[in-house]
Amino acid sequence: MSDTPLEQRRRWYRHFPEGSLEFLVVTRVLAVLLLLTLIVLREAQRPFITAVLIGVLWFDYVLMMWWAIQVRLDLDAAAGRPENTAKRWLVGLKACLPSAIASAALSPWPVLFARQQGLATLRLAGMAVLFILFAVVAQRAMQRAGVGKPLWTALTLLPGIHWFAFHRIAAGLEARVQQQARERRPDTVFPHASSPALAVADATWVLCALPWLLVAVLTLIEGWPGEGPARMVPFCGMILAALFGVANLAALERVQRHFLQLIRGS
């Protein structure tokens, strides 16, 4: 029996048909629970919850990035191009390094280490330089691997905006899956030329981002919104975040289903 990387992927998908997307369910549930905890706990406890939330969202990012890289390189393998397992891991490592730096920089270090304010400021400046350097390396690696267009691969490195960029990359992957399927079988028919799930994911991403941007502004001006109508903004943001998590996962799973149909027939 062949033991090529593509065959190994086929065996993996027999046990985990959604690939790394299956584990996104765990990160999304944890993120929503942490958002709820962030809302109900006292001011002094919020920096610690925020740090844990950022860690969970970083792992969520890694799972999405690894999924996109695997699908793209598996499509090359399904088309008969040479495979390089080491290349997968190297591209994945380079792609995830900037997000690790960004997550560390966004964690509430000045609050957690109030006695080291000057050191925290210096740390953030150093992280900014490292992020830029690693972002250049990551973007070039993803471009060489053909993960997506330059604009979208660059935007996947920016926290928050990365979800919108992944939707564009997913659309590109789906188009490539459909193209390879039709080259193999011209009579192949897909339900839609473009995914309505991606449009829904985009809309819920915008709706989710707006209340949390408002929370960030209010917190910077007068502290966490805890009185009056403003206290409902975080709850609305949490609900919309849950809806976005479902819509985003549904959009990516659609691409995964079409991708599995292709490699199982290759």
C-alpha atoms as a PDB file:
ATOM      1  CA  MET A   1       0.000   0.000   0.000  1.00  0.00           C
ATOM      2  CA  SER A   2       1.285   3.462  -0.906  1.00  0.00           C
ATOM      3  CA  ASP A   3       2.476   5.535   2.012  1.00  0.00           C
ATOM      4  CA  THR A   4       2.717   8.890   0.299  1.00  0.00           C
ATOM      5  CA  PRO A   5       1.760  12.039   2.250  1.00  0.00           C
ATOM      6  CA  LEU A   6      -1.503  12.180   0.307  1.00  0.00           C
ATOM      7  CA  GLU A   7      -2.365   8.624   1.338  1.00  0.00           C
ATOM      8  CA  GLN A   8      -1.532   9.516   4.930  1.00  0.00           C
ATOM      9  CA  ARG A   9      -3.929  12.454   4.666  1.00  0.00           C
ATOM     10  CA  ARG A  10      -6.659  10.167   3.332  1.00  0.00           C
ATOM     11  CA  ARG A  11      -6.236   7.882   6.341  1.00  0.00           C
ATOM     12  CA  TRP A  12      -6.316  10.877   8.670  1.00  0.00           C
ATOM     13  CA  TYR A  13      -9.572  12.103   7.121  1.00  0.00           C
ATOM     14  CA  ARG A  14     -11.177   8.706   7.697  1.00  0.00           C
ATOM     15  CA  HIS A  15     -10.971   9.428  11.438  1.00  0.00           C
ATOM     16  CA  PHE A  16     -11.240  13.234  11.316  1.00  0.00           C
ATOM     17  CA  PRO A  17     -13.238  14.085   8.173  1.00  0.00           C
ATOM     18  CA  GLU A  18     -13.211  17.798   8.986  1.00  0.00           C
ATOM     19  CA  GLY A  19      -9.470  17.879   9.620  1.00  0.00           C
ATOM     20  CA  SER A  20      -8.344  20.548  12.079  1.00  0.00           C
ATOM     21  CA  LEU A  21     -11.742  22.233  11.698  1.00  0.00           C
ATOM     22  CA  GLU A  22     -13.203  19.674  14.112  1.00  0.00           C
ATOM     23  CA  PHE A  23     -11.138  21.140  16.929  1.00  0.00           C
ATOM     24  CA  LEU A  24     -12.437  24.644  16.207  1.00  0.00           C
ATOM     25  CA  VAL A  25     -15.649  23.631  17.970  1.00  0.00           C
ATOM     26  CA  VAL A  26     -13.697  23.414  21.235  1.00  0.00           C
ATOM     27  CA  THR A  27     -11.928  26.754  20.792  1.00  0.00           C
ATOM     28  CA  ARG A  28     -15.157  28.539  19.818  1.00  0.00           C
ATOM     29  CA  VAL A  29     -17.062  27.220  22.848  1.00  0.00           C
ATOM     30  CA  LEU A  30     -14.191  28.138  25.164  1.00  0.00           C
ATOM     31  CA  ALA A  31     -13.979  31.618  23.651  1.00  0.00           C
ATOM     32  CA  VAL A  32     -17.691  32.292  24.193  1.00  0.00           C
ATOM     33  CA  LEU A  33     -17.482  31.025  27.786  1.00  0.00           C
ATOM     34  CA  LEU A  34     -14.491  33.266  28.428  1.00  0.00           C
ATOM     35  CA  LEU A  35     -16.358  36.240  26.965  1.00  0.00           C
ATOM     36  CA  LEU A  36     -19.213  35.537  29.354  1.00  0.00           C
ATOM     37  CA  THR A  37     -16.755  35.261  32.244  1.00  0.00           C
ATOM     38  CA  LEU A  38     -15.140  38.527  31.157  1.00  0.00           C
ATOM     39  CA  ILE A  39     -18.515  40.235  31.385  1.00  0.00           C
ATOM     40  CA  VAL A  40     -19.649  38.934  34.766  1.00  0.00           C
ATOM     41  CA  LEU A  41     -16.377  39.073  36.715  1.00  0.00           C
ATOM     42  CA  ARG A  42     -15.035  42.090  38.543  1.00  0.00           C
ATOM     43  CA  GLU A  43     -12.624  44.631  37.081  1.00  0.00           C
ATOM     44  CA  ALA A  44      -9.566  43.240  38.883  1.00  0.00           C
ATOM     45  CA  GLN A  45     -10.059  39.760  37.367  1.00  0.00           C
ATOM     46  CA  ARG A  46     -10.619  40.835  33.769  1.00  0.00           C
ATOM     47  CA  PRO A  47      -6.927  41.110  32.742  1.00  0.00           C
ATOM     48  CA  PHE A  48      -6.337  37.446  33.606  1.00  0.00           C
ATOM     49  CA  ILE A  49      -9.440  36.310  31.713  1.00  0.00           C
ATOM     50  CA  THR A  50      -8.409  38.493  28.773  1.00  0.00           C
ATOM     51  CA  ALA A  51      -4.976  36.855  28.693  1.00  0.00           C
ATOM     52  CA  VAL A  52      -6.525  33.366  28.636  1.00  0.00           C
ATOM     53  CA  LEU A  53      -9.045  34.442  25.965  1.00  0.00           C
ATOM     54  CA  ILE A  54      -6.252  35.734  23.734  1.00  0.00           C
ATOM     55  CA  GLY A  55      -4.462  32.396  24.140  1.00  0.00           C
ATOM     56  CA  VAL A  56      -7.578  30.473  23.086  1.00  0.00           C
ATOM     57  CA  LEU A  57      -8.116  32.740  20.083  1.00  0.00           C
ATOM     58  CA  TRP A  58      -4.476  32.241  19.095  1.00  0.00           C
ATOM     59  CA  PHE A  59      -4.937  28.461  19.095  1.00  0.00           C
ATOM     60  CA  ASP A  60      -8.119  28.965  17.043  1.00  0.00           C
ATOM     61  CA  TYR A  61      -6.030  30.948  14.561  1.00  0.00           C
ATOM     62  CA  VAL A  62      -3.373  28.215  14.367  1.00  0.00           C
ATOM     63  CA  LEU A  63      -6.037  25.606  13.571  1.00  0.00           C
ATOM     64  CA  MET A  64      -7.464  27.721  10.739  1.00  0.00           C
ATOM     65  CA  MET A  65      -4.041  28.523   9.324  1.00  0.00           C
ATOM     66  CA  TRP A  66      -2.947  24.884   9.426  1.00  0.00           C
ATOM     67  CA  TRP A  67      -6.198  23.854   7.727  1.00  0.00           C
ATOM     68  CA  ALA A  68      -5.679  26.332   4.870  1.00  0.00           C
ATOM     69  CA  ILE A  69      -2.052  25.257   4.335  1.00  0.00           C
ATOM     70  CA  GLN A  70      -2.940  21.551   4.416  1.00  0.00           C
ATOM     71  CA  VAL A  71      -5.801  21.925   1.946  1.00  0.00           C
ATOM     72  CA  ARG A  72      -3.692  23.984  -0.456  1.00  0.00           C
ATOM     73  CA  LEU A  73      -0.746  21.563  -0.448  1.00  0.00           C
ATOM     74  CA  ASP A  74      -3.022  18.504  -0.581  1.00  0.00           C
ATOM     75  CA  LEU A  75      -4.581  19.955  -3.731  1.00  0.00           C
ATOM     76  CA  ASP A  76      -1.127  20.049  -5.292  1.00  0.00           C
ATOM     77  CA  ALA A  77      -0.584  16.429  -4.243  1.00  0.00           C
ATOM     78  CA  ALA A  78      -3.955  15.413  -5.705  1.00  0.00           C
ATOM     79  CA  ALA A  79      -2.921  17.036  -8.992  1.00  0.00           C
ATOM     80  CA  GLY A  80       0.193  14.844  -9.087  1.00  0.00           C
ATOM     81  CA  ARG A  81       2.750  17.473  -8.079  1.00  0.00           C
ATOM     82  CA  PRO A  82       5.740  16.447  -5.905  1.00  0.00           C
ATOM     83  CA  GLU A  83       5.035  16.380  -2.165  1.00  0.00           C
ATOM     84  CA  ASN A  84       7.261  17.580   0.648  1.00  0.00           C
ATOM     85  CA  THR A  85       6.074  16.891   4.186  1.00  0.00           C
ATOM     86  CA  ALA A  86       8.820  19.053   5.691  1.00  0.00           C
ATOM     87  CA  LYS A  87       7.585  21.972   3.584  1.00  0.00           C
ATOM     88  CA  ARG A  88       4.142  21.739   5.189  1.00  0.00           C
ATOM     89  CA  TRP A  89       5.533  22.036   8.694  1.00  0.00           C
ATOM     90  CA  LEU A  90       7.964  24.796   7.746  1.00  0.00           C
ATOM     91  CA  VAL A  91       5.283  26.899   6.053  1.00  0.00           C
ATOM     92  CA  GLY A  92       2.931  26.319   8.987  1.00  0.00           C
ATOM     93  CA  LEU A  93       5.570  27.330  11.521  1.00  0.00           C
ATOM     94  CA  LYS A  94       6.474  30.499   9.647  1.00  0.00           C
ATOM     95  CA  ALA A  95       2.814  31.412   9.145  1.00  0.00           C
ATOM     96  CA  CYS A  96       1.972  31.097  12.850  1.00  0.00           C
ATOM     97  CA  LEU A  97       4.969  32.935  14.329  1.00  0.00           C
ATOM     98  CA  PRO A  98       3.590  36.483  13.767  1.00  0.00           C
ATOM     99  CA  SER A  99       0.310  35.552  15.465  1.00  0.00           C
ATOM    100  CA  ALA A 100       2.213  34.288  18.512  1.00  0.00           C
ATOM    101  CA  ILE A 101       4.035  37.621  18.770  1.00  0.00           C
ATOM    102  CA  ALA A 102       0.798  39.580  18.271  1.00  0.00           C
ATOM    103  CA  SER A 103      -1.008  37.530  20.936  1.00  0.00           C
ATOM    104  CA  ALA A 104       1.764  38.159  23.444  1.00  0.00           C
ATOM    105  CA  ALA A 105       1.739  41.882  22.616  1.00  0.00           C
ATOM    106  CA  LEU A 106      -2.058  42.185  22.965  1.00  0.00           C
ATOM    107  CA  SER A 107      -2.172  40.422  26.327  1.00  0.00           C
ATOM    108  CA  PRO A 108      -2.650  42.916  29.187  1.00  0.00           C
ATOM    109  CA  TRP A 109       0.993  42.886  30.331  1.00  0.00           C
ATOM    110  CA  PRO A 110       0.964  46.429  31.796  1.00  0.00           C
ATOM    111  CA  VAL A 111      -1.935  45.475  34.088  1.00  0.00           C
ATOM    112  CA  LEU A 112      -0.663  42.026  35.008  1.00  0.00           C
ATOM    113  CA  PHE A 113       2.795  43.430  35.760  1.00  0.00           C
ATOM    114  CA  ALA A 114       1.983  46.937  36.966  1.00  0.00           C
ATOM    115  CA  ARG A 115       5.261  47.238  38.874  1.00  0.00           C
ATOM    116  CA  GLN A 116       7.212  46.753  35.664  1.00  0.00           C
ATOM    117  CA  GLN A 117       5.488  49.378  33.533  1.00  0.00           C
ATOM    118  CA  GLY A 118       8.688  50.593  31.890  1.00  0.00           C
ATOM    119  CA  LEU A 119       9.809  47.064  31.119  1.00  0.00           C
ATOM    120  CA  ALA A 120       6.382  46.261  29.688  1.00  0.00           C
ATOM    121  CA  THR A 121       6.592  49.236  27.322  1.00  0.00           C
ATOM    122  CA  LEU A 122      10.021  48.127  26.133  1.00  0.00           C
ATOM    123  CA  ARG A 123       8.723  44.584  25.677  1.00  0.00           C
ATOM    124  CA  LEU A 124       5.856  45.817  23.490  1.00  0.00           C
ATOM    125  CA  ALA A 125       8.225  47.838  21.306  1.00  0.00           C
ATOM    126  CA  GLY A 126      10.440  44.797  20.827  1.00  0.00           C
ATOM    127  CA  MET A 127       7.413  42.656  19.997  1.00  0.00           C
ATOM    128  CA  ALA A 128       6.293  45.169  17.373  1.00  0.00           C
ATOM    129  CA  VAL A 129       9.664  44.897  15.615  1.00  0.00           C
ATOM    130  CA  LEU A 130       9.587  41.093  15.824  1.00  0.00           C
ATOM    131  CA  PHE A 131       6.030  41.007  14.485  1.00  0.00           C
ATOM    132  CA  ILE A 132       6.982  43.001  11.399  1.00  0.00           C
ATOM    133  CA  LEU A 133      10.017  40.810  10.731  1.00  0.00           C
ATOM    134  CA  PHE A 134       8.119  37.549  11.189  1.00  0.00           C
ATOM    135  CA  ALA A 135       5.162  38.873   9.185  1.00  0.00           C
ATOM    136  CA  VAL A 136       7.398  39.427   6.151  1.00  0.00           C
ATOM    137  CA  VAL A 137       8.789  35.891   6.460  1.00  0.00           C
ATOM    138  CA  ALA A 138       5.313  34.397   6.962  1.00  0.00           C
ATOM    139  CA  GLN A 139       3.751  36.229   4.040  1.00  0.00           C
ATOM    140  CA  ARG A 140       6.525  35.135   1.687  1.00  0.00           C
ATOM    141  CA  ALA A 141       6.235  31.515   2.826  1.00  0.00           C
ATOM    142  CA  MET A 142       2.473  31.486   2.250  1.00  0.00           C
ATOM    143  CA  GLN A 143       2.901  33.078  -1.166  1.00  0.00           C
ATOM    144  CA  ARG A 144       5.453  30.473  -2.234  1.00  0.00           C
ATOM    145  CA  ALA A 145       3.055  27.759  -1.054  1.00  0.00           C
ATOM    146  CA  GLY A 146       0.216  29.386  -3.018  1.00  0.00           C
ATOM    147  CA  VAL A 147      -2.111  29.641  -0.027  1.00  0.00           C
ATOM    148  CA  GLY A 148      -3.834  32.759  -1.344  1.00  0.00           C
ATOM    149  CA  LYS A 149      -3.445  36.140  -3.003  1.00  0.00           C
ATOM    150  CA  PRO A 150      -0.824  38.509  -1.523  1.00  0.00           C
ATOM    151  CA  LEU A 151      -3.399  40.888  -0.008  1.00  0.00           C
ATOM    152  CA  TRP A 152      -5.321  38.157   1.792  1.00  0.00           C
ATOM    153  CA  THR A 153      -2.279  36.283   3.044  1.00  0.00           C
ATOM    154  CA  ALA A 154      -0.964  39.567   4.449  1.00  0.00           C
ATOM    155  CA  LEU A 155      -4.276  40.369   6.149  1.00  0.00           C
ATOM    156  CA  THR A 156      -4.419  36.921   7.782  1.00  0.00           C
ATOM    157  CA  LEU A 157      -1.527  38.129   9.940  1.00  0.00           C
ATOM    158  CA  LEU A 158      -3.544  41.007  11.454  1.00  0.00           C
ATOM    159  CA  PRO A 159      -5.560  40.114  14.596  1.00  0.00           C
ATOM    160  CA  GLY A 160      -9.307  40.419  14.121  1.00  0.00           C
ATOM    161  CA  ILE A 161      -9.087  41.112  10.391  1.00  0.00           C
ATOM    162  CA  HIS A 162      -7.633  37.634   9.885  1.00  0.00           C
ATOM    163  CA  TRP A 163     -11.114  36.078   9.958  1.00  0.00           C
ATOM    164  CA  PHE A 164     -12.266  38.221   7.024  1.00  0.00           C
ATOM    165  CA  ALA A 165      -9.058  37.365   5.147  1.00  0.00           C
ATOM    166  CA  PHE A 166      -9.514  33.638   5.790  1.00  0.00           C
ATOM    167  CA  HIS A 167     -12.937  33.862   4.166  1.00  0.00           C
ATOM    168  CA  ARG A 168     -11.268  35.143   0.983  1.00  0.00           C
ATOM    169  CA  ILE A 169      -8.647  32.393   1.166  1.00  0.00           C
ATOM    170  CA  ALA A 170     -11.399  29.802   1.670  1.00  0.00           C
ATOM    171  CA  ALA A 171     -13.201  31.131  -1.409  1.00  0.00           C
ATOM    172  CA  GLY A 172      -9.980  30.789  -3.403  1.00  0.00           C
ATOM    173  CA  LEU A 173      -9.463  27.236  -2.160  1.00  0.00           C
ATOM    174  CA  GLU A 174     -13.019  26.307  -3.084  1.00  0.00           C
ATOM    175  CA  ALA A 175     -12.542  27.718  -6.583  1.00  0.00           C
ATOM    176  CA  ARG A 176      -9.359  25.649  -6.954  1.00  0.00           C
ATOM    177  CA  VAL A 177     -11.151  22.503  -5.725  1.00  0.00           C
ATOM    178  CA  GLN A 178     -13.924  23.023  -8.256  1.00  0.00           C
ATOM    179  CA  GLN A 179     -11.438  23.655 -11.064  1.00  0.00           C
ATOM    180  CA  GLN A 180      -9.487  20.463 -10.344  1.00  0.00           C
ATOM    181  CA  ALA A 181     -12.710  18.461 -10.011  1.00  0.00           C
ATOM    182  CA  ARG A 182     -13.952  19.674 -13.397  1.00  0.00           C
ATOM    183  CA  GLU A 183     -10.593  18.960 -15.025  1.00  0.00           C
ATOM    184  CA  ARG A 184     -10.924  15.383 -13.818  1.00  0.00           C
ATOM    185  CA  ARG A 185     -14.655  15.056 -14.547  1.00  0.00           C
ATOM    186  CA  PRO A 186     -16.134  17.811 -16.746  1.00  0.00           C
ATOM    187  CA  ASP A 187     -19.667  16.841 -15.704  1.00  0.00           C
ATOM    188  CA  THR A 188     -19.012  17.649 -12.019  1.00  0.00           C
ATOM    189  CA  VAL A 189     -21.678  19.997 -10.652  1.00  0.00           C
ATOM    190  CA  PHE A 190     -21.427  22.052  -7.455  1.00  0.00           C
ATOM    191  CA  PRO A 191     -24.443  23.594  -5.660  1.00  0.00           C
ATOM    192  CA  HIS A 192     -23.263  27.204  -6.004  1.00  0.00           C
ATOM    193  CA  ALA A 193     -20.486  28.938  -7.891  1.00  0.00           C
ATOM    194  CA  SER A 194     -19.866  31.062  -4.795  1.00  0.00           C
ATOM    195  CA  SER A 195     -20.590  30.127  -1.216  1.00  0.00           C
ATOM    196  CA  PRO A 196     -23.517  31.903   0.515  1.00  0.00           C
ATOM    197  CA  ALA A 197     -22.018  30.647   3.782  1.00  0.00           C
ATOM    198  CA  LEU A 198     -19.003  32.901   3.244  1.00  0.00           C
ATOM    199  CA  ALA A 199     -21.260  35.928   2.743  1.00  0.00           C
ATOM    200  CA  VAL A 200     -23.091  35.118   5.983  1.00  0.00           C
ATOM    201  CA  ALA A 201     -19.750  34.684   7.768  1.00  0.00           C
ATOM    202  CA  ASP A 202     -18.620  38.100   6.507  1.00  0.00           C
ATOM    203  CA  ALA A 203     -21.823  39.763   7.717  1.00  0.00           C
ATOM    204  CA  THR A 204     -21.669  38.191  11.171  1.00  0.00           C
ATOM    205  CA  TRP A 205     -17.962  39.111  11.431  1.00  0.00           C
ATOM    206  CA  VAL A 206     -18.820  42.790  10.907  1.00  0.00           C
ATOM    207  CA  LEU A 207     -21.734  42.624  13.358  1.00  0.00           C
ATOM    208  CA  CYS A 208     -19.523  40.881  15.929  1.00  0.00           C
ATOM    209  CA  ALA A 209     -16.652  43.364  15.586  1.00  0.00           C
ATOM    210  CA  LEU A 210     -18.752  46.527  16.023  1.00  0.00           C
ATOM    211  CA  PRO A 211     -19.903  46.035  19.650  1.00  0.00           C
ATOM    212  CA  TRP A 212     -16.440  44.915  20.792  1.00  0.00           C
ATOM    213  CA  LEU A 213     -14.852  47.963  19.157  1.00  0.00           C
ATOM    214  CA  LEU A 214     -17.364  50.067  21.088  1.00  0.00           C
ATOM    215  CA  VAL A 215     -16.458  48.234  24.300  1.00  0.00           C
ATOM    216  CA  ALA A 216     -12.774  48.931  23.654  1.00  0.00           C
ATOM    217  CA  VAL A 217     -13.423  52.641  23.092  1.00  0.00           C
ATOM    218  CA  LEU A 218     -15.636  52.959  26.191  1.00  0.00           C
ATOM    219  CA  THR A 219     -13.082  51.103  28.301  1.00  0.00           C
ATOM    220  CA  LEU A 220     -10.292  53.433  27.206  1.00  0.00           C
ATOM    221  CA  ILE A 221     -12.401  56.521  27.916  1.00  0.00           C
ATOM    222  CA  GLU A 222     -14.230  55.720  31.149  1.00  0.00           C
ATOM    223  CA  GLY A 223     -13.606  52.081  32.067  1.00  0.00           C
ATOM    224  CA  TRP A 224     -15.567  48.902  31.428  1.00  0.00           C
ATOM    225  CA  PRO A 225     -19.216  49.695  30.537  1.00  0.00           C
ATOM    226  CA  GLY A 226     -21.032  48.643  33.697  1.00  0.00           C
ATOM    227  CA  GLU A 227     -23.899  51.116  34.010  1.00  0.00           C
ATOM    228  CA  GLY A 228     -26.819  52.241  31.887  1.00  0.00           C
ATOM    229  CA  PRO A 229     -27.547  51.017  28.359  1.00  0.00           C
ATOM    230  CA  ALA A 230     -23.811  50.591  27.676  1.00  0.00           C
ATOM    231  CA  ARG A 231     -23.705  47.563  29.958  1.00  0.00           C
ATOM    232  CA  MET A 232     -25.649  45.602  27.320  1.00  0.00           C
ATOM    233  CA  VAL A 233     -23.022  46.143  24.635  1.00  0.00           C
ATOM    234  CA  PRO A 234     -20.691  43.318  25.844  1.00  0.00           C
ATOM    235  CA  PHE A 235     -23.645  40.892  26.078  1.00  0.00           C
ATOM    236  CA  CYS A 236     -24.686  41.743  22.527  1.00  0.00           C
ATOM    237  CA  GLY A 237     -21.076  41.300  21.432  1.00  0.00           C
ATOM    238  CA  MET A 238     -20.913  37.887  23.086  1.00  0.00           C
ATOM    239  CA  ILE A 239     -24.083  36.678  21.353  1.00  0.00           C
ATOM    240  CA  LEU A 240     -22.903  37.961  17.981  1.00  0.00           C
ATOM    241  CA  ALA A 241     -19.497  36.347  18.555  1.00  0.00           C
ATOM    242  CA  ALA A 242     -21.231  32.997  19.067  1.00  0.00           C
ATOM    243  CA  LEU A 243     -23.203  33.461  15.830  1.00  0.00           C
ATOM    244  CA  PHE A 244     -20.052  34.402  13.962  1.00  0.00           C
ATOM    245  CA  GLY A 245     -18.217  31.350  15.287  1.00  0.00           C
ATOM    246  CA  VAL A 246     -20.929  29.080  13.887  1.00  0.00           C
ATOM    247  CA  ALA A 247     -21.179  30.913  10.539  1.00  0.00           C
ATOM    248  CA  ASN A 248     -17.408  30.941  10.067  1.00  0.00           C
ATOM    249  CA  LEU A 249     -17.104  27.227  10.819  1.00  0.00           C
ATOM    250  CA  ALA A 250     -19.979  26.393   8.467  1.00  0.00           C
ATOM    251  CA  ALA A 251     -18.285  28.323   5.634  1.00  0.00           C
ATOM    252  CA  LEU A 252     -14.981  26.507   6.111  1.00  0.00           C
ATOM    253  CA  GLU A 253     -16.679  23.113   6.416  1.00  0.00           C
ATOM    254  CA  ARG A 254     -18.341  23.612   3.034  1.00  0.00           C
ATOM    255  CA  VAL A 255     -14.913  23.956   1.420  1.00  0.00           C
ATOM    256  CA  GLN A 256     -13.693  20.926   3.371  1.00  0.00           C
ATOM    257  CA  ARG A 257     -16.551  18.744   2.086  1.00  0.00           C
ATOM    258  CA  HIS A 258     -15.800  19.590  -1.542  1.00  0.00           C
ATOM    259  CA  PHE A 259     -12.095  19.063  -0.903  1.00  0.00           C
ATOM    260  CA  LEU A 260     -12.701  15.589   0.559  1.00  0.00           C
ATOM    261  CA  GLN A 261     -14.797  14.602  -2.461  1.00  0.00           C
ATOM    262  CA  LEU A 262     -11.854  15.510  -4.654  1.00  0.00           C
ATOM    263  CA  ILE A 263      -8.994  13.765  -2.838  1.00  0.00           C
ATOM    264  CA  ARG A 264     -11.033  10.618  -2.156  1.00  0.00           C
ATOM    265  CA  GLY A 265     -11.495  10.251  -5.887  1.00  0.00           C
ATOM    266  CA  SER A 266      -7.882  11.011  -6.779  1.00  0.00           C
END
